[in-house]
Amino acid sequence: MQPHRYRKVATVEAMQVTGESRPDVVAWIQGEAGVAMVTERGVAVSTLEGVIEYADGWWVLRNETGEFYGITADRFESTYVKENG
């Protein structure tokens, strides 16, 4: 038996953390009843795994169930394609 290839098909909302976008990322998370704050290096986000700091360059995502989590820029760019609209 050979392995099969899989791809993600879930739609997520996402914002990239940058020095300029930090307040907007935090406002977005807090507006969705999440907990977040600006830090010296990026943003700290309350996730299912605890409070995690995502540095500038990372992407913060919100999945279909409302969970927030982060991934690196290179992983984001190789996994997701922006929807039209």
C-alpha atoms as a PDB file:
ATOM      1  CA  MET A   1       0.000   0.000   0.000  1.00  0.00           C
ATOM      2  CA  GLN A   2       1.303   3.462  -0.928  1.00  0.00           C
ATOM      3  CA  PRO A   3       0.695   6.731   0.952  1.00  0.00           C
ATOM      4  CA  HIS A   4      -1.828   9.206  -0.397  1.00  0.00           C
ATOM      5  CA  ARG A   5      -1.365  12.951  -0.751  1.00  0.00           C
ATOM      6  CA  TYR A   6      -3.686  15.336   1.107  1.00  0.00           C
ATOM      7  CA  ARG A   7      -4.224  19.064   1.015  1.00  0.00           C
ATOM      8  CA  LYS A   8      -6.032  21.414   3.350  1.00  0.00           C
ATOM      9  CA  VAL A   9      -9.364  22.707   2.177  1.00  0.00           C
ATOM     10  CA  ALA A  10     -10.464  24.699   5.222  1.00  0.00           C
ATOM     11  CA  THR A  11     -11.007  28.429   4.885  1.00  0.00           C
ATOM     12  CA  VAL A  12      -9.355  30.600   7.529  1.00  0.00           C
ATOM     13  CA  GLU A  13      -9.168  34.312   8.325  1.00  0.00           C
ATOM     14  CA  ALA A  14      -5.610  35.565   8.696  1.00  0.00           C
ATOM     15  CA  MET A  15      -3.506  38.636   9.421  1.00  0.00           C
ATOM     16  CA  GLN A  16       0.274  38.908   9.285  1.00  0.00           C
ATOM     17  CA  VAL A  17       2.013  40.318  12.349  1.00  0.00           C
ATOM     18  CA  THR A  18       4.244  43.308  11.561  1.00  0.00           C
ATOM     19  CA  GLY A  19       5.423  46.258  13.588  1.00  0.00           C
ATOM     20  CA  GLU A  20       2.684  48.314  11.953  1.00  0.00           C
ATOM     21  CA  SER A  21      -0.127  45.709  12.114  1.00  0.00           C
ATOM     22  CA  ARG A  22       0.265  44.631  15.758  1.00  0.00           C
ATOM     23  CA  PRO A  23      -2.568  46.869  17.092  1.00  0.00           C
ATOM     24  CA  ASP A  24      -4.872  45.775  14.247  1.00  0.00           C
ATOM     25  CA  VAL A  25      -4.156  42.078  14.870  1.00  0.00           C
ATOM     26  CA  VAL A  26      -4.921  42.497  18.577  1.00  0.00           C
ATOM     27  CA  ALA A  27      -8.117  44.464  17.838  1.00  0.00           C
ATOM     28  CA  TRP A  28      -9.281  41.743  15.421  1.00  0.00           C
ATOM     29  CA  ILE A  29      -8.675  38.978  17.975  1.00  0.00           C
ATOM     30  CA  GLN A  30     -10.329  40.911  20.791  1.00  0.00           C
ATOM     31  CA  GLY A  31     -13.276  41.724  18.514  1.00  0.00           C
ATOM     32  CA  GLU A  32     -13.824  37.992  18.082  1.00  0.00           C
ATOM     33  CA  ALA A  33     -13.877  37.466  21.892  1.00  0.00           C
ATOM     34  CA  GLY A  34     -10.251  36.371  21.928  1.00  0.00           C
ATOM     35  CA  VAL A  35      -7.485  37.479  24.273  1.00  0.00           C
ATOM     36  CA  ALA A  36      -4.367  39.159  22.868  1.00  0.00           C
ATOM     37  CA  MET A  37      -1.895  41.938  23.553  1.00  0.00           C
ATOM     38  CA  VAL A  38       0.924  43.761  21.784  1.00  0.00           C
ATOM     39  CA  THR A  39       4.440  42.752  22.893  1.00  0.00           C
ATOM     40  CA  GLU A  40       7.919  44.065  22.107  1.00  0.00           C
ATOM     41  CA  ARG A  41       8.441  41.363  19.452  1.00  0.00           C
ATOM     42  CA  GLY A  42       4.912  40.914  18.074  1.00  0.00           C
ATOM     43  CA  VAL A  43       1.640  39.835  19.674  1.00  0.00           C
ATOM     44  CA  ALA A  44       0.747  37.426  22.470  1.00  0.00           C
ATOM     45  CA  VAL A  45      -2.378  35.362  21.812  1.00  0.00           C
ATOM     46  CA  SER A  46      -4.356  33.097  24.117  1.00  0.00           C
ATOM     47  CA  THR A  47      -4.692  29.745  22.301  1.00  0.00           C
ATOM     48  CA  LEU A  48      -5.870  26.273  23.288  1.00  0.00           C
ATOM     49  CA  GLU A  49      -2.219  25.533  24.121  1.00  0.00           C
ATOM     50  CA  GLY A  50      -1.861  28.605  26.342  1.00  0.00           C
ATOM     51  CA  VAL A  51      -0.559  32.125  25.705  1.00  0.00           C
ATOM     52  CA  ILE A  52       1.844  32.107  22.758  1.00  0.00           C
ATOM     53  CA  GLU A  53       3.843  35.015  21.385  1.00  0.00           C
ATOM     54  CA  TYR A  54       3.982  35.358  17.613  1.00  0.00           C
ATOM     55  CA  ALA A  55       6.837  37.537  16.402  1.00  0.00           C
ATOM     56  CA  ASP A  56       6.727  39.931  13.474  1.00  0.00           C
ATOM     57  CA  GLY A  57       6.508  37.979  10.226  1.00  0.00           C
ATOM     58  CA  TRP A  58       4.234  35.258  11.603  1.00  0.00           C
ATOM     59  CA  TRP A  59       0.600  34.916  10.521  1.00  0.00           C
ATOM     60  CA  VAL A  60      -2.241  34.647  13.056  1.00  0.00           C
ATOM     61  CA  LEU A  61      -5.149  32.549  11.794  1.00  0.00           C
ATOM     62  CA  ARG A  62      -8.722  31.992  12.968  1.00  0.00           C
ATOM     63  CA  ASN A  63     -10.187  28.684  11.871  1.00  0.00           C
ATOM     64  CA  GLU A  64     -13.810  27.743  11.239  1.00  0.00           C
ATOM     65  CA  THR A  65     -14.367  26.884  14.917  1.00  0.00           C
ATOM     66  CA  GLY A  66     -13.042  30.276  16.076  1.00  0.00           C
ATOM     67  CA  GLU A  67      -9.674  29.048  17.386  1.00  0.00           C
ATOM     68  CA  PHE A  68      -6.694  31.383  16.946  1.00  0.00           C
ATOM     69  CA  TYR A  69      -3.235  30.030  16.173  1.00  0.00           C
ATOM     70  CA  GLY A  70      -0.104  31.119  14.346  1.00  0.00           C
ATOM     71  CA  ILE A  71       2.149  29.788  11.617  1.00  0.00           C
ATOM     72  CA  THR A  72       5.368  31.008  10.035  1.00  0.00           C
ATOM     73  CA  ALA A  73       5.243  33.136   6.901  1.00  0.00           C
ATOM     74  CA  ASP A  74       6.827  30.478   4.681  1.00  0.00           C
ATOM     75  CA  ARG A  75       4.379  27.823   5.859  1.00  0.00           C
ATOM     76  CA  PHE A  76       1.436  30.206   5.383  1.00  0.00           C
ATOM     77  CA  GLU A  77       2.514  31.121   1.862  1.00  0.00           C
ATOM     78  CA  SER A  78       2.985  27.482   0.863  1.00  0.00           C
ATOM     79  CA  THR A  79      -0.366  26.391   2.351  1.00  0.00           C
ATOM     80  CA  TYR A  80      -2.939  29.139   1.739  1.00  0.00           C
ATOM     81  CA  VAL A  81      -4.189  31.077  -1.275  1.00  0.00           C
ATOM     82  CA  LYS A  82      -6.112  34.338  -0.840  1.00  0.00           C
ATOM     83  CA  GLU A  83      -9.775  34.087  -1.810  1.00  0.00           C
ATOM     84  CA  ASN A  84     -11.341  36.601  -4.169  1.00  0.00           C
ATOM     85  CA  GLY A  85     -13.825  38.941  -2.617  1.00  0.00           C
END
